[in-house]
Amino acid sequence: MSRDRDPLTLRRPARSALIAASVTALSLTASGCVVVHGEREILPSTTRAEAAKALQEFTTAYNEADQNYDASLDADHTTGALADIDSARLKAGKANNPDGNPNHTP
């Protein structure tokens, strides 16, 4: 006669091993780790004309913001760390020279 072993009747070491295996399996499936293969994705690139236009828009906005010490003038063109650094620089410049940047060179 065979004796069925379910989790309630397992001995302590066997029950601990079963719980550890269950927790490990659950944590691996629920951890959200995925592999992303960005090198396989085909992204549309910009044309030279679009890139030149974007660069010109950025340069114009950046120069206006620097000349007036006004971060809102280039806010549409800067993001992330560049926006943080640039807006802090412009804010400090505005505090020192409220009329604008006397040393501005485009």
PDB file of N, CA and C in Angstrom:
ATOM      1  N   MET A   1       0.845  -1.159   0.000  1.00  0.00           N
ATOM      2  CA  MET A   1       0.000   0.000   0.000  1.00  0.00           C
ATOM      3  C   MET A   1       0.894   1.226   0.000  1.00  0.00           C
ATOM      4  N   SER A   2       0.669   2.114  -0.975  1.00  0.00           N
ATOM      5  CA  SER A   2       1.504   3.308  -1.060  1.00  0.00           C
ATOM      6  C   SER A   2       0.877   4.434  -0.257  1.00  0.00           C
ATOM      7  N   ARG A   3       1.715   5.245   0.185  1.00  0.00           N
ATOM      8  CA  ARG A   3       1.259   6.352   1.011  1.00  0.00           C
ATOM      9  C   ARG A   3       1.417   7.644   0.209  1.00  0.00           C
ATOM     10  N   ASP A   4       0.324   8.354  -0.042  1.00  0.00           N
ATOM     11  CA  ASP A   4       0.386   9.609  -0.787  1.00  0.00           C
ATOM     12  C   ASP A   4       1.008  10.685   0.091  1.00  0.00           C
ATOM     13  N   ARG A   5       1.821  11.500  -0.534  1.00  0.00           N
ATOM     14  CA  ARG A   5       2.486  12.561   0.227  1.00  0.00           C
ATOM     15  C   ARG A   5       1.963  13.895  -0.274  1.00  0.00           C
ATOM     16  N   ASP A   6       1.170  14.528   0.472  1.00  0.00           N
ATOM     17  CA  ASP A   6       0.714  15.873   0.130  1.00  0.00           C
ATOM     18  C   ASP A   6       1.422  16.850   1.069  1.00  0.00           C
ATOM     19  N   PRO A   7       1.403  18.169   0.750  1.00  0.00           N
ATOM     20  CA  PRO A   7       2.159  19.137   1.551  1.00  0.00           C
ATOM     21  C   PRO A   7       1.801  19.153   3.026  1.00  0.00           C
ATOM     22  N   LEU A   8       0.609  18.751   3.383  1.00  0.00           N
ATOM     23  CA  LEU A   8       0.212  18.784   4.788  1.00  0.00           C
ATOM     24  C   LEU A   8       0.833  17.642   5.582  1.00  0.00           C
ATOM     25  N   THR A   9       1.150  16.544   4.912  1.00  0.00           N
ATOM     26  CA  THR A   9       1.689  15.400   5.636  1.00  0.00           C
ATOM     27  C   THR A   9       3.199  15.254   5.465  1.00  0.00           C
ATOM     28  N   LEU A  10       3.846  16.158   4.720  1.00  0.00           N
ATOM     29  CA  LEU A  10       5.288  16.080   4.544  1.00  0.00           C
ATOM     30  C   LEU A  10       6.001  16.402   5.843  1.00  0.00           C
ATOM     31  N   ARG A  11       7.167  15.858   5.978  1.00  0.00           N
ATOM     32  CA  ARG A  11       7.976  16.179   7.144  1.00  0.00           C
ATOM     33  C   ARG A  11       8.558  17.564   6.988  1.00  0.00           C
ATOM     34  N   ARG A  12       9.054  18.099   8.052  1.00  0.00           N
ATOM     35  CA  ARG A  12       9.535  19.483   8.095  1.00  0.00           C
ATOM     36  C   ARG A  12      10.567  19.807   7.014  1.00  0.00           C
ATOM     37  N   PRO A  13      11.660  19.038   6.835  1.00  0.00           N
ATOM     38  CA  PRO A  13      12.630  19.382   5.785  1.00  0.00           C
ATOM     39  C   PRO A  13      12.016  19.322   4.384  1.00  0.00           C
ATOM     40  N   ALA A  14      11.191  18.338   4.132  1.00  0.00           N
ATOM     41  CA  ALA A  14      10.568  18.206   2.818  1.00  0.00           C
ATOM     42  C   ALA A  14       9.599  19.361   2.574  1.00  0.00           C
ATOM     43  N   ARG A  15       8.847  19.747   3.606  1.00  0.00           N
ATOM     44  CA  ARG A  15       7.915  20.862   3.482  1.00  0.00           C
ATOM     45  C   ARG A  15       8.673  22.167   3.237  1.00  0.00           C
ATOM     46  N   SER A  16       9.795  22.358   3.933  1.00  0.00           N
ATOM     47  CA  SER A  16      10.611  23.560   3.739  1.00  0.00           C
ATOM     48  C   SER A  16      11.163  23.619   2.317  1.00  0.00           C
ATOM     49  N   ALA A  17      11.604  22.491   1.801  1.00  0.00           N
ATOM     50  CA  ALA A  17      12.133  22.443   0.441  1.00  0.00           C
ATOM     51  C   ALA A  17      11.037  22.753  -0.569  1.00  0.00           C
ATOM     52  N   LEU A  18       9.844  22.223  -0.334  1.00  0.00           N
ATOM     53  CA  LEU A  18       8.715  22.487  -1.230  1.00  0.00           C
ATOM     54  C   LEU A  18       8.337  23.962  -1.200  1.00  0.00           C
ATOM     55  N   ILE A  19       8.318  24.559  -0.041  1.00  0.00           N
ATOM     56  CA  ILE A  19       7.998  25.990   0.077  1.00  0.00           C
ATOM     57  C   ILE A  19       9.073  26.837  -0.600  1.00  0.00           C
ATOM     58  N   ALA A  20      10.327  26.492  -0.385  1.00  0.00           N
ATOM     59  CA  ALA A  20      11.425  27.238  -1.000  1.00  0.00           C
ATOM     60  C   ALA A  20      11.359  27.153  -2.519  1.00  0.00           C
ATOM     61  N   ALA A  21      11.075  25.973  -3.038  1.00  0.00           N
ATOM     62  CA  ALA A  21      10.971  25.809  -4.487  1.00  0.00           C
ATOM     63  C   ALA A  21       9.787  26.596  -5.041  1.00  0.00           C
ATOM     64  N   SER A  22       8.687  26.583  -4.315  1.00  0.00           N
ATOM     65  CA  SER A  22       7.499  27.323  -4.755  1.00  0.00           C
ATOM     66  C   SER A  22       7.751  28.827  -4.757  1.00  0.00           C
ATOM     67  N   VAL A  23       8.392  29.338  -3.709  1.00  0.00           N
ATOM     68  CA  VAL A  23       8.698  30.761  -3.624  1.00  0.00           C
ATOM     69  C   VAL A  23       9.677  31.166  -4.722  1.00  0.00           C
ATOM     70  N   THR A  24      10.661  30.327  -4.980  1.00  0.00           N
ATOM     71  CA  THR A  24      11.627  30.614  -6.041  1.00  0.00           C
ATOM     72  C   THR A  24      10.950  30.666  -7.401  1.00  0.00           C
ATOM     73  N   ALA A  25      10.108  29.695  -7.681  1.00  0.00           N
ATOM     74  CA  ALA A  25       9.406  29.665  -8.965  1.00  0.00           C
ATOM     75  C   ALA A  25       8.492  30.880  -9.108  1.00  0.00           C
ATOM     76  N   LEU A  26       7.804  31.239  -8.050  1.00  0.00           N
ATOM     77  CA  LEU A  26       6.909  32.388  -8.092  1.00  0.00           C
ATOM     78  C   LEU A  26       7.682  33.682  -8.282  1.00  0.00           C
ATOM     79  N   SER A  27       8.802  33.818  -7.580  1.00  0.00           N
ATOM     80  CA  SER A  27       9.575  35.059  -7.697  1.00  0.00           C
ATOM     81  C   SER A  27      10.194  35.203  -9.077  1.00  0.00           C
ATOM     82  N   LEU A  28      10.601  34.105  -9.679  1.00  0.00           N
ATOM     83  CA  LEU A  28      11.179  34.181 -11.022  1.00  0.00           C
ATOM     84  C   LEU A  28      10.131  34.550 -12.057  1.00  0.00           C
ATOM     85  N   THR A  29       8.926  34.049 -11.903  1.00  0.00           N
ATOM     86  CA  THR A  29       7.887  34.363 -12.885  1.00  0.00           C
ATOM     87  C   THR A  29       7.280  35.736 -12.646  1.00  0.00           C
ATOM     88  N   ALA A  30       7.298  36.218 -11.425  1.00  0.00           N
ATOM     89  CA  ALA A  30       6.677  37.500 -11.114  1.00  0.00           C
ATOM     90  C   ALA A  30       7.666  38.658 -11.081  1.00  0.00           C
ATOM     91  N   SER A  31       8.938  38.392 -11.329  1.00  0.00           N
ATOM     92  CA  SER A  31       9.937  39.456 -11.193  1.00  0.00           C
ATOM     93  C   SER A  31       9.875  40.475 -12.307  1.00  0.00           C
ATOM     94  N   GLY A  32       9.283  40.136 -13.420  1.00  0.00           N
ATOM     95  CA  GLY A  32       9.160  41.085 -14.509  1.00  0.00           C
ATOM     96  C   GLY A  32      10.415  41.221 -15.345  1.00  0.00           C
ATOM     97  N   CYS A  33      11.372  40.358 -15.172  1.00  0.00           N
ATOM     98  CA  CYS A  33      12.593  40.429 -15.971  1.00  0.00           C
ATOM     99  C   CYS A  33      12.286  39.960 -17.388  1.00  0.00           C
ATOM    100  N   VAL A  34      12.625  40.783 -18.340  1.00  0.00           N
ATOM    101  CA  VAL A  34      12.433  40.431 -19.740  1.00  0.00           C
ATOM    102  C   VAL A  34      13.684  40.812 -20.511  1.00  0.00           C
ATOM    103  N   VAL A  35      13.863  40.163 -21.616  1.00  0.00           N
ATOM    104  CA  VAL A  35      14.974  40.490 -22.495  1.00  0.00           C
ATOM    105  C   VAL A  35      14.404  41.265 -23.668  1.00  0.00           C
ATOM    106  N   VAL A  36      14.944  42.442 -23.891  1.00  0.00           N
ATOM    107  CA  VAL A  36      14.485  43.278 -24.992  1.00  0.00           C
ATOM    108  C   VAL A  36      15.558  43.267 -26.065  1.00  0.00           C
ATOM    109  N   HIS A  37      15.156  42.943 -27.255  1.00  0.00           N
ATOM    110  CA  HIS A  37      16.090  42.911 -28.376  1.00  0.00           C
ATOM    111  C   HIS A  37      15.855  44.135 -29.253  1.00  0.00           C
ATOM    112  N   GLY A  38      16.420  45.262 -28.831  1.00  0.00           N
ATOM    113  CA  GLY A  38      16.261  46.501 -29.582  1.00  0.00           C
ATOM    114  C   GLY A  38      16.956  46.468 -30.923  1.00  0.00           C
ATOM    115  N   GLU A  39      17.969  45.624 -31.036  1.00  0.00           N
ATOM    116  CA  GLU A  39      18.692  45.562 -32.309  1.00  0.00           C
ATOM    117  C   GLU A  39      17.845  44.947 -33.411  1.00  0.00           C
ATOM    118  N   ARG A  40      16.760  44.286 -33.049  1.00  0.00           N
ATOM    119  CA  ARG A  40      15.894  43.661 -34.043  1.00  0.00           C
ATOM    120  C   ARG A  40      14.790  44.599 -34.520  1.00  0.00           C
ATOM    121  N   GLU A  41      14.599  45.696 -33.832  1.00  0.00           N
ATOM    122  CA  GLU A  41      13.528  46.626 -34.164  1.00  0.00           C
ATOM    123  C   GLU A  41      13.962  47.550 -35.291  1.00  0.00           C
ATOM    124  N   ILE A  42      13.087  47.746 -36.248  1.00  0.00           N
ATOM    125  CA  ILE A  42      13.372  48.657 -37.353  1.00  0.00           C
ATOM    126  C   ILE A  42      12.637  49.962 -37.069  1.00  0.00           C
ATOM    127  N   LEU A  43      13.411  51.008 -36.876  1.00  0.00           N
ATOM    128  CA  LEU A  43      12.848  52.321 -36.574  1.00  0.00           C
ATOM    129  C   LEU A  43      13.059  53.236 -37.775  1.00  0.00           C
ATOM    130  N   PRO A  44      12.049  54.022 -38.086  1.00  0.00           N
ATOM    131  CA  PRO A  44      12.235  54.951 -39.202  1.00  0.00           C
ATOM    132  C   PRO A  44      13.213  56.048 -38.802  1.00  0.00           C
ATOM    133  N   SER A  45      14.116  56.365 -39.686  1.00  0.00           N
ATOM    134  CA  SER A  45      15.076  57.417 -39.396  1.00  0.00           C
ATOM    135  C   SER A  45      14.604  58.724 -40.024  1.00  0.00           C
ATOM    136  N   THR A  46      15.232  59.796 -39.622  1.00  0.00           N
ATOM    137  CA  THR A  46      14.886  61.080 -40.209  1.00  0.00           C
ATOM    138  C   THR A  46      15.706  61.292 -41.469  1.00  0.00           C
ATOM    139  N   THR A  47      15.197  62.148 -42.306  1.00  0.00           N
ATOM    140  CA  THR A  47      15.959  62.511 -43.498  1.00  0.00           C
ATOM    141  C   THR A  47      16.949  63.606 -43.114  1.00  0.00           C
ATOM    142  N   ARG A  48      17.869  63.882 -43.997  1.00  0.00           N
ATOM    143  CA  ARG A  48      18.823  64.961 -43.731  1.00  0.00           C
ATOM    144  C   ARG A  48      18.091  66.295 -43.586  1.00  0.00           C
ATOM    145  N   ALA A  49      17.062  66.515 -44.372  1.00  0.00           N
ATOM    146  CA  ALA A  49      16.311  67.773 -44.300  1.00  0.00           C
ATOM    147  C   ALA A  49      15.595  67.907 -42.956  1.00  0.00           C
ATOM    148  N   GLU A  50      14.996  66.800 -42.477  1.00  0.00           N
ATOM    149  CA  GLU A  50      14.322  66.835 -41.175  1.00  0.00           C
ATOM    150  C   GLU A  50      15.312  67.068 -40.045  1.00  0.00           C
ATOM    151  N   ALA A  51      16.468  66.444 -40.138  1.00  0.00           N
ATOM    152  CA  ALA A  51      17.497  66.621 -39.108  1.00  0.00           C
ATOM    153  C   ALA A  51      18.008  68.051 -39.105  1.00  0.00           C
ATOM    154  N   ALA A  52      18.218  68.621 -40.274  1.00  0.00           N
ATOM    155  CA  ALA A  52      18.686  70.008 -40.360  1.00  0.00           C
ATOM    156  C   ALA A  52      17.648  70.968 -39.797  1.00  0.00           C
ATOM    157  N   LYS A  53      16.378  70.706 -40.075  1.00  0.00           N
ATOM    158  CA  LYS A  53      15.296  71.561 -39.562  1.00  0.00           C
ATOM    159  C   LYS A  53      15.232  71.466 -38.034  1.00  0.00           C
ATOM    160  N   ALA A  54      15.333  70.251 -37.497  1.00  0.00           N
ATOM    161  CA  ALA A  54      15.284  70.061 -36.039  1.00  0.00           C
ATOM    162  C   ALA A  54      16.468  70.756 -35.364  1.00  0.00           C
ATOM    163  N   LEU A  55      17.641  70.643 -35.962  1.00  0.00           N
ATOM    164  CA  LEU A  55      18.823  71.299 -35.404  1.00  0.00           C
ATOM    165  C   LEU A  55      18.675  72.822 -35.440  1.00  0.00           C
ATOM    166  N   GLN A  56      18.129  73.346 -36.529  1.00  0.00           N
ATOM    167  CA  GLN A  56      17.933  74.789 -36.634  1.00  0.00           C
ATOM    168  C   GLN A  56      16.920  75.280 -35.597  1.00  0.00           C
ATOM    169  N   GLU A  57      15.824  74.540 -35.415  1.00  0.00           N
ATOM    170  CA  GLU A  57      14.820  74.920 -34.412  1.00  0.00           C
ATOM    171  C   GLU A  57      15.415  74.899 -33.013  1.00  0.00           C
ATOM    172  N   PHE A  58      16.193  73.859 -32.703  1.00  0.00           N
ATOM    173  CA  PHE A  58      16.820  73.769 -31.393  1.00  0.00           C
ATOM    174  C   PHE A  58      17.785  74.926 -31.173  1.00  0.00           C
ATOM    175  N   THR A  59      18.628  75.196 -32.167  1.00  0.00           N
ATOM    176  CA  THR A  59      19.633  76.258 -32.033  1.00  0.00           C
ATOM    177  C   THR A  59      18.974  77.613 -31.839  1.00  0.00           C
ATOM    178  N   THR A  60      17.924  77.891 -32.601  1.00  0.00           N
ATOM    179  CA  THR A  60      17.212  79.163 -32.471  1.00  0.00           C
ATOM    180  C   THR A  60      16.607  79.305 -31.079  1.00  0.00           C
ATOM    181  N   ALA A  61      15.914  78.263 -30.619  1.00  0.00           N
ATOM    182  CA  ALA A  61      15.281  78.312 -29.295  1.00  0.00           C
ATOM    183  C   ALA A  61      16.327  78.425 -28.193  1.00  0.00           C
ATOM    184  N   TYR A  62      17.424  77.676 -28.309  1.00  0.00           N
ATOM    185  CA  TYR A  62      18.470  77.695 -27.289  1.00  0.00           C
ATOM    186  C   TYR A  62      19.135  79.068 -27.209  1.00  0.00           C
ATOM    187  N   ASN A  63      19.391  79.682 -28.358  1.00  0.00           N
ATOM    188  CA  ASN A  63      19.996  81.012 -28.381  1.00  0.00           C
ATOM    189  C   ASN A  63      19.070  82.068 -27.788  1.00  0.00           C
ATOM    190  N   GLU A  64      17.771  81.990 -28.103  1.00  0.00           N
ATOM    191  CA  GLU A  64      16.810  82.947 -27.535  1.00  0.00           C
ATOM    192  C   GLU A  64      16.734  82.800 -26.022  1.00  0.00           C
ATOM    193  N   ALA A  65      16.723  81.571 -25.543  1.00  0.00           N
ATOM    194  CA  ALA A  65      16.672  81.336 -24.098  1.00  0.00           C
ATOM    195  C   ALA A  65      17.928  81.863 -23.423  1.00  0.00           C
ATOM    196  N   ASP A  66      19.080  81.662 -24.051  1.00  0.00           N
ATOM    197  CA  ASP A  66      20.343  82.148 -23.479  1.00  0.00           C
ATOM    198  C   ASP A  66      20.394  83.673 -23.485  1.00  0.00           C
ATOM    199  N   GLN A  67      19.922  84.284 -24.544  1.00  0.00           N
ATOM    200  CA  GLN A  67      19.968  85.741 -24.645  1.00  0.00           C
ATOM    201  C   GLN A  67      19.065  86.410 -23.609  1.00  0.00           C
ATOM    202  N   ASN A  68      17.910  85.812 -23.357  1.00  0.00           N
ATOM    203  CA  ASN A  68      16.931  86.407 -22.439  1.00  0.00           C
ATOM    204  C   ASN A  68      16.946  85.788 -21.046  1.00  0.00           C
ATOM    205  N   TYR A  69      17.777  84.789 -20.827  1.00  0.00           N
ATOM    206  CA  TYR A  69      17.780  84.035 -19.562  1.00  0.00           C
ATOM    207  C   TYR A  69      16.362  83.571 -19.222  1.00  0.00           C
ATOM    208  N   ASP A  70      15.705  82.931 -20.197  1.00  0.00           N
ATOM    209  CA  ASP A  70      14.325  82.472 -20.026  1.00  0.00           C
ATOM    210  C   ASP A  70      14.228  81.011 -20.461  1.00  0.00           C
ATOM    211  N   ALA A  71      14.102  80.118 -19.494  1.00  0.00           N
ATOM    212  CA  ALA A  71      14.071  78.676 -19.777  1.00  0.00           C
ATOM    213  C   ALA A  71      12.820  78.254 -20.540  1.00  0.00           C
ATOM    214  N   SER A  72      11.755  79.045 -20.485  1.00  0.00           N
ATOM    215  CA  SER A  72      10.533  78.658 -21.179  1.00  0.00           C
ATOM    216  C   SER A  72      10.688  78.747 -22.698  1.00  0.00           C
ATOM    217  N   LEU A  73      11.677  79.491 -23.176  1.00  0.00           N
ATOM    218  CA  LEU A  73      11.863  79.648 -24.622  1.00  0.00           C
ATOM    219  C   LEU A  73      12.443  78.404 -25.288  1.00  0.00           C
ATOM    220  N   ASP A  74      13.138  77.569 -24.543  1.00  0.00           N
ATOM    221  CA  ASP A  74      13.654  76.331 -25.137  1.00  0.00           C
ATOM    222  C   ASP A  74      13.124  75.079 -24.440  1.00  0.00           C
ATOM    223  N   ALA A  75      12.063  75.237 -23.671  1.00  0.00           N
ATOM    224  CA  ALA A  75      11.503  74.106 -22.927  1.00  0.00           C
ATOM    225  C   ALA A  75      10.972  73.009 -23.844  1.00  0.00           C
ATOM    226  N   ASP A  76      10.520  73.367 -25.043  1.00  0.00           N
ATOM    227  CA  ASP A  76      10.011  72.359 -25.976  1.00  0.00           C
ATOM    228  C   ASP A  76      11.130  71.567 -26.648  1.00  0.00           C
ATOM    229  N   HIS A  77      12.373  72.031 -26.502  1.00  0.00           N
ATOM    230  CA  HIS A  77      13.477  71.410 -27.214  1.00  0.00           C
ATOM    231  C   HIS A  77      14.488  70.722 -26.294  1.00  0.00           C
ATOM    232  N   THR A  78      14.391  70.917 -24.995  1.00  0.00           N
ATOM    233  CA  THR A  78      15.312  70.275 -24.060  1.00  0.00           C
ATOM    234  C   THR A  78      14.522  69.449 -23.057  1.00  0.00           C
ATOM    235  N   THR A  79      15.054  68.286 -22.730  1.00  0.00           N
ATOM    236  CA  THR A  79      14.415  67.412 -21.745  1.00  0.00           C
ATOM    237  C   THR A  79      15.496  66.747 -20.909  1.00  0.00           C
ATOM    238  N   GLY A  80      15.068  66.112 -19.850  1.00  0.00           N
ATOM    239  CA  GLY A  80      15.967  65.319 -19.022  1.00  0.00           C
ATOM    240  C   GLY A  80      17.033  66.149 -18.337  1.00  0.00           C
ATOM    241  N   ALA A  81      18.241  65.592 -18.293  1.00  0.00           N
ATOM    242  CA  ALA A  81      19.347  66.242 -17.600  1.00  0.00           C
ATOM    243  C   ALA A  81      19.725  67.562 -18.258  1.00  0.00           C
ATOM    244  N   LEU A  82      19.685  67.621 -19.582  1.00  0.00           N
ATOM    245  CA  LEU A  82      20.012  68.871 -20.273  1.00  0.00           C
ATOM    246  C   LEU A  82      19.046  69.969 -19.863  1.00  0.00           C
ATOM    247  N   ALA A  83      17.761  69.663 -19.784  1.00  0.00           N
ATOM    248  CA  ALA A  83      16.768  70.666 -19.377  1.00  0.00           C
ATOM    249  C   ALA A  83      17.010  71.125 -17.944  1.00  0.00           C
ATOM    250  N   ASP A  84      17.340  70.190 -17.067  1.00  0.00           N
ATOM    251  CA  ASP A  84      17.588  70.546 -15.664  1.00  0.00           C
ATOM    252  C   ASP A  84      18.796  71.462 -15.528  1.00  0.00           C
ATOM    253  N   ILE A  85      19.872  71.096 -16.198  1.00  0.00           N
ATOM    254  CA  ILE A  85      21.093  71.896 -16.121  1.00  0.00           C
ATOM    255  C   ILE A  85      20.887  73.255 -16.767  1.00  0.00           C
ATOM    256  N   ASP A  86      20.260  73.267 -17.933  1.00  0.00           N
ATOM    257  CA  ASP A  86      20.052  74.508 -18.670  1.00  0.00           C
ATOM    258  C   ASP A  86      19.123  75.456 -17.921  1.00  0.00           C
ATOM    259  N   SER A  87      18.031  74.940 -17.377  1.00  0.00           N
ATOM    260  CA  SER A  87      17.102  75.820 -16.663  1.00  0.00           C
ATOM    261  C   SER A  87      17.727  76.372 -15.384  1.00  0.00           C
ATOM    262  N   ALA A  88      18.566  75.589 -14.721  1.00  0.00           N
ATOM    263  CA  ALA A  88      19.251  76.096 -13.530  1.00  0.00           C
ATOM    264  C   ALA A  88      20.238  77.202 -13.911  1.00  0.00           C
ATOM    265  N   ARG A  89      20.945  77.002 -15.026  1.00  0.00           N
ATOM    266  CA  ARG A  89      21.883  78.023 -15.500  1.00  0.00           C
ATOM    267  C   ARG A  89      21.154  79.304 -15.879  1.00  0.00           C
ATOM    268  N   LEU A  90      20.022  79.163 -16.562  1.00  0.00           N
ATOM    269  CA  LEU A  90      19.257  80.342 -16.975  1.00  0.00           C
ATOM    270  C   LEU A  90      18.626  81.051 -15.779  1.00  0.00           C
ATOM    271  N   LYS A  91      18.184  80.282 -14.801  1.00  0.00           N
ATOM    272  CA  LYS A  91      17.593  80.881 -13.599  1.00  0.00           C
ATOM    273  C   LYS A  91      18.647  81.679 -12.832  1.00  0.00           C
ATOM    274  N   ALA A  92      19.835  81.127 -12.705  1.00  0.00           N
ATOM    275  CA  ALA A  92      20.913  81.826 -12.014  1.00  0.00           C
ATOM    276  C   ALA A  92      21.329  83.067 -12.802  1.00  0.00           C
ATOM    277  N   GLY A  93      21.378  82.956 -14.123  1.00  0.00           N
ATOM    278  CA  GLY A  93      21.727  84.100 -14.949  1.00  0.00           C
ATOM    279  C   GLY A  93      20.706  85.209 -14.844  1.00  0.00           C
ATOM    280  N   LYS A  94      19.424  84.839 -14.787  1.00  0.00           N
ATOM    281  CA  LYS A  94      18.342  85.826 -14.656  1.00  0.00           C
ATOM    282  C   LYS A  94      18.431  86.538 -13.310  1.00  0.00           C
ATOM    283  N   ALA A  95      18.817  85.819 -12.268  1.00  0.00           N
ATOM    284  CA  ALA A  95      18.952  86.435 -10.945  1.00  0.00           C
ATOM    285  C   ALA A  95      20.086  87.448 -10.928  1.00  0.00           C
ATOM    286  N   ASN A  96      21.167  87.163 -11.657  1.00  0.00           N
ATOM    287  CA  ASN A  96      22.320  88.070 -11.707  1.00  0.00           C
ATOM    288  C   ASN A  96      22.141  89.206 -12.710  1.00  0.00           C
ATOM    289  N   ASN A  97      21.445  88.941 -13.804  1.00  0.00           N
ATOM    290  CA  ASN A  97      21.239  89.929 -14.871  1.00  0.00           C
ATOM    291  C   ASN A  97      19.785  89.880 -15.322  1.00  0.00           C
ATOM    292  N   PRO A  98      18.875  90.586 -14.646  1.00  0.00           N
ATOM    293  CA  PRO A  98      17.455  90.510 -14.984  1.00  0.00           C
ATOM    294  C   PRO A  98      17.121  90.994 -16.400  1.00  0.00           C
ATOM    295  N   ASP A  99      17.972  91.830 -16.983  1.00  0.00           N
ATOM    296  CA  ASP A  99      17.687  92.355 -18.318  1.00  0.00           C
ATOM    297  C   ASP A  99      18.140  91.430 -19.435  1.00  0.00           C
ATOM    298  N   GLY A 100      18.764  90.349 -19.128  1.00  0.00           N
ATOM    299  CA  GLY A 100      19.217  89.408 -20.145  1.00  0.00           C
ATOM    300  C   GLY A 100      20.713  89.180 -20.050  1.00  0.00           C
ATOM    301  N   ASN A 101      21.201  88.356 -20.957  1.00  0.00           N
ATOM    302  CA  ASN A 101      22.606  87.962 -20.957  1.00  0.00           C
ATOM    303  C   ASN A 101      23.445  88.999 -21.706  1.00  0.00           C
ATOM    304  N   PRO A 102      24.264  89.783 -21.003  1.00  0.00           N
ATOM    305  CA  PRO A 102      25.072  90.784 -21.687  1.00  0.00           C
ATOM    306  C   PRO A 102      26.225  90.163 -22.496  1.00  0.00           C
ATOM    307  N   ASN A 103      26.586  88.935 -22.215  1.00  0.00           N
ATOM    308  CA  ASN A 103      27.687  88.265 -22.903  1.00  0.00           C
ATOM    309  C   ASN A 103      27.210  87.245 -23.926  1.00  0.00           C
ATOM    310  N   HIS A 104      25.946  87.348 -24.345  1.00  0.00           N
ATOM    311  CA  HIS A 104      25.383  86.349 -25.264  1.00  0.00           C
ATOM    312  C   HIS A 104      26.069  86.423 -26.626  1.00  0.00           C
ATOM    313  N   THR A 105      26.501  85.262 -27.091  1.00  0.00           N
ATOM    314  CA  THR A 105      26.963  85.123 -28.472  1.00  0.00           C
ATOM    315  C   THR A 105      26.277  83.899 -29.051  1.00  0.00           C
ATOM    316  N   PRO A 106      25.617  84.071 -30.161  1.00  0.00           N
ATOM    317  CA  PRO A 106      24.875  82.928 -30.747  1.00  0.00           C
ATOM    318  C   PRO A 106      25.780  81.764 -31.095  1.00  0.00           C
TER     319      PRO A 106
END
